[in-house]
Amino acid sequence: MAISVDDTRSILNELIKTCKDGQEGCLEAANHLNNPNVRAMFLEFSQQRSQFAGELQQEVMALGGDPEKSGSTMGALHRGWIDFKNKVTGESDEATIHEAESGEDAAVRSYEKALQKTLPANLRDVIERQYQAIKRAHAQVRSLEVRTSGGAA
């Protein structure tokens, strides 16, 4: 049985928050990274999440709702923690990548939760496509984390 339009909008708005958190989190990570190639990768992920949020915002409006425009409080707290930790311990790519990987874990879980719902086919396709891209990004960040921590992550 399909879920209500209100529930669908709510699910989409939660994913928008997730994408906005990812957009800001990847940008924050990029600002703390020393390796220019890794920094560029995180800037690309930030742009990707911005695009995903925009797509989802369009879908919420198509359903007659008001789309979220910002991330979650927890996402803001996590970014603040990254900033604080980098100031206290000194900026290191390893620490930044570790925190970014934690944020990517949360994004994957958020999409998996949404995909457990009975969504309209067109929205399921959008969310599944975004989910696959987020899983690929997560795998890249995870691979970086393993390499920067000496393989023991």
Protein backbone atom coordinates (compact mmCIF):
# COMPACT_ATOMS: atom_id res chain seq x y z
CA MET A 1 0.00 0.00 0.00
CA ALA A 2 1.34 3.41 -0.99
CA ILE A 3 1.98 5.99 1.71
CA SER A 4 0.12 9.30 1.94
CA VAL A 5 1.23 12.43 0.12
CA ASP A 6 2.01 14.03 3.50
CA ASP A 7 4.22 11.09 4.47
CA THR A 8 5.90 11.19 1.05
CA ARG A 9 6.67 14.90 1.44
CA SER A 10 8.01 14.23 4.94
CA ILE A 11 10.34 11.49 3.66
CA LEU A 12 11.56 13.75 0.85
CA ASN A 13 12.13 16.62 3.28
CA GLU A 14 14.21 14.35 5.54
CA LEU A 15 16.34 13.42 2.52
CA ILE A 16 16.69 17.11 1.64
CA LYS A 17 18.06 17.72 5.15
CA THR A 18 20.43 14.79 4.64
CA CYS A 19 21.62 16.24 1.33
CA LYS A 20 22.02 19.72 2.78
CA ASP A 21 24.00 18.23 5.68
CA GLY A 22 26.17 16.39 3.15
CA GLN A 23 26.60 19.51 1.04
CA GLU A 24 27.76 21.55 4.03
CA GLY A 25 29.73 18.70 5.59
CA CYS A 26 31.69 17.99 2.41
CA LEU A 27 32.37 21.69 1.98
CA GLU A 28 33.54 21.91 5.59
CA ALA A 29 35.77 18.87 5.09
CA ALA A 30 37.23 20.36 1.89
CA ASN A 31 38.11 23.53 3.80
CA HIS A 32 40.17 21.48 6.26
CA LEU A 33 41.91 19.13 3.83
CA ASN A 34 45.50 19.67 2.77
CA ASN A 35 45.60 17.26 -0.17
CA PRO A 36 44.33 19.18 -3.23
CA ASN A 37 43.01 16.03 -4.97
CA VAL A 38 41.03 14.95 -1.92
CA ARG A 39 39.81 18.52 -1.42
CA ALA A 40 38.55 18.56 -5.04
CA MET A 41 36.75 15.26 -4.48
CA PHE A 42 34.94 16.63 -1.44
CA LEU A 43 33.99 19.80 -3.32
CA GLU A 44 32.52 17.57 -6.03
CA PHE A 45 30.55 15.61 -3.41
CA SER A 46 29.27 18.91 -1.96
CA GLN A 47 28.05 19.99 -5.41
CA GLN A 48 26.45 16.57 -5.96
CA ARG A 49 24.50 16.84 -2.68
CA SER A 50 23.37 20.34 -3.60
CA GLN A 51 22.04 18.99 -6.90
CA PHE A 52 20.31 16.09 -5.14
CA ALA A 53 18.67 18.46 -2.65
CA GLY A 54 17.43 20.60 -5.54
CA GLU A 55 15.90 17.58 -7.27
CA LEU A 56 14.13 16.53 -4.08
CA GLN A 57 12.93 20.08 -3.43
CA GLN A 58 11.32 20.09 -6.89
CA GLU A 59 9.56 16.82 -6.06
CA VAL A 60 8.19 18.23 -2.79
CA MET A 61 6.87 21.28 -4.62
CA ALA A 62 5.30 19.01 -7.26
CA LEU A 63 3.47 17.31 -4.38
CA GLY A 64 2.16 20.70 -3.21
CA GLY A 65 4.50 21.05 -0.25
CA ASP A 66 7.13 23.42 1.07
CA PRO A 67 10.58 21.88 0.70
CA GLU A 68 13.22 22.03 3.40
CA LYS A 69 15.84 24.67 2.74
CA SER A 70 18.51 23.71 5.25
CA GLY A 71 20.11 20.73 6.94
CA SER A 72 19.41 19.23 10.33
CA THR A 73 20.47 20.41 13.75
CA MET A 74 22.52 17.23 14.18
CA GLY A 75 24.33 17.95 10.92
CA ALA A 76 25.20 21.45 12.11
CA LEU A 77 26.45 20.03 15.41
CA HIS A 78 28.59 17.48 13.56
CA ARG A 79 30.16 20.20 11.40
CA GLY A 80 30.83 22.25 14.52
CA TRP A 81 32.48 19.22 16.10
CA ILE A 82 34.74 18.77 13.05
CA ASP A 83 35.74 22.42 13.22
CA PHE A 84 36.35 22.29 16.98
CA LYS A 85 38.29 19.02 16.76
CA ASN A 86 40.51 20.37 13.98
CA LYS A 87 41.27 23.51 15.99
CA VAL A 88 42.15 21.54 19.13
CA THR A 89 44.09 18.68 17.59
CA GLY A 90 45.47 20.49 14.58
CA GLU A 91 44.11 19.99 11.12
CA SER A 92 44.91 16.59 9.71
CA ASP A 93 43.50 14.98 6.62
CA GLU A 94 43.11 11.73 8.54
CA ALA A 95 40.87 13.25 11.23
CA THR A 96 38.81 15.19 8.69
CA ILE A 97 38.30 12.14 6.48
CA HIS A 98 37.31 10.06 9.52
CA GLU A 99 34.61 12.57 10.46
CA ALA A 100 33.45 12.84 6.85
CA GLU A 101 33.12 9.06 6.67
CA SER A 102 30.87 9.20 9.72
CA GLY A 103 28.66 11.73 7.92
CA GLU A 104 28.55 9.51 4.84
CA ASP A 105 27.44 6.58 7.04
CA ALA A 106 24.50 8.71 8.22
CA ALA A 107 23.57 9.65 4.63
CA VAL A 108 23.53 6.01 3.53
CA ARG A 109 21.32 5.08 6.52
CA SER A 110 18.92 7.94 5.76
CA TYR A 111 18.45 6.80 2.16
CA GLU A 112 18.08 3.16 3.22
CA LYS A 113 15.35 4.17 5.65
CA ALA A 114 13.52 6.07 2.90
CA LEU A 115 13.80 3.14 0.48
CA GLN A 116 12.10 0.85 3.02
CA LYS A 117 8.89 2.84 2.46
CA THR A 118 6.37 2.17 -0.30
CA LEU A 119 7.03 5.22 -2.45
CA PRO A 120 5.55 6.15 -5.83
CA ALA A 121 7.65 4.58 -8.61
CA ASN A 122 8.92 7.89 -10.01
CA LEU A 123 10.19 8.99 -6.58
CA ARG A 124 11.64 5.58 -5.80
CA ASP A 125 13.66 5.85 -9.03
CA VAL A 126 15.02 9.30 -8.07
CA ILE A 127 15.85 8.20 -4.52
CA GLU A 128 17.43 4.92 -5.68
CA ARG A 129 19.63 6.76 -8.22
CA GLN A 130 20.76 9.23 -5.55
CA TYR A 131 21.30 6.41 -3.06
CA GLN A 132 23.59 4.56 -5.47
CA ALA A 133 25.66 7.73 -6.01
CA ILE A 134 25.87 8.33 -2.26
CA LYS A 135 26.97 4.73 -1.70
CA ARG A 136 29.74 5.22 -4.29
CA ALA A 137 30.84 8.44 -2.57
CA HIS A 138 30.77 6.68 0.79
CA ALA A 139 32.96 3.88 -0.60
CA GLN A 140 35.46 6.45 -1.89
CA VAL A 141 35.60 8.22 1.48
CA ARG A 142 35.87 4.89 3.29
CA SER A 143 38.76 3.89 1.02
CA LEU A 144 40.50 7.19 1.80
CA GLU A 145 39.95 6.64 5.51
CA VAL A 146 41.52 3.18 5.34
CA ARG A 147 44.53 4.53 3.41
CA THR A 148 45.10 7.55 5.67
CA SER A 149 44.78 5.48 8.85
CA GLY A 150 47.28 2.89 7.69
CA GLY A 151 44.68 0.28 6.72
CA ALA A 152 43.19 -0.32 10.16
CA ALA A 153 39.79 1.32 9.90
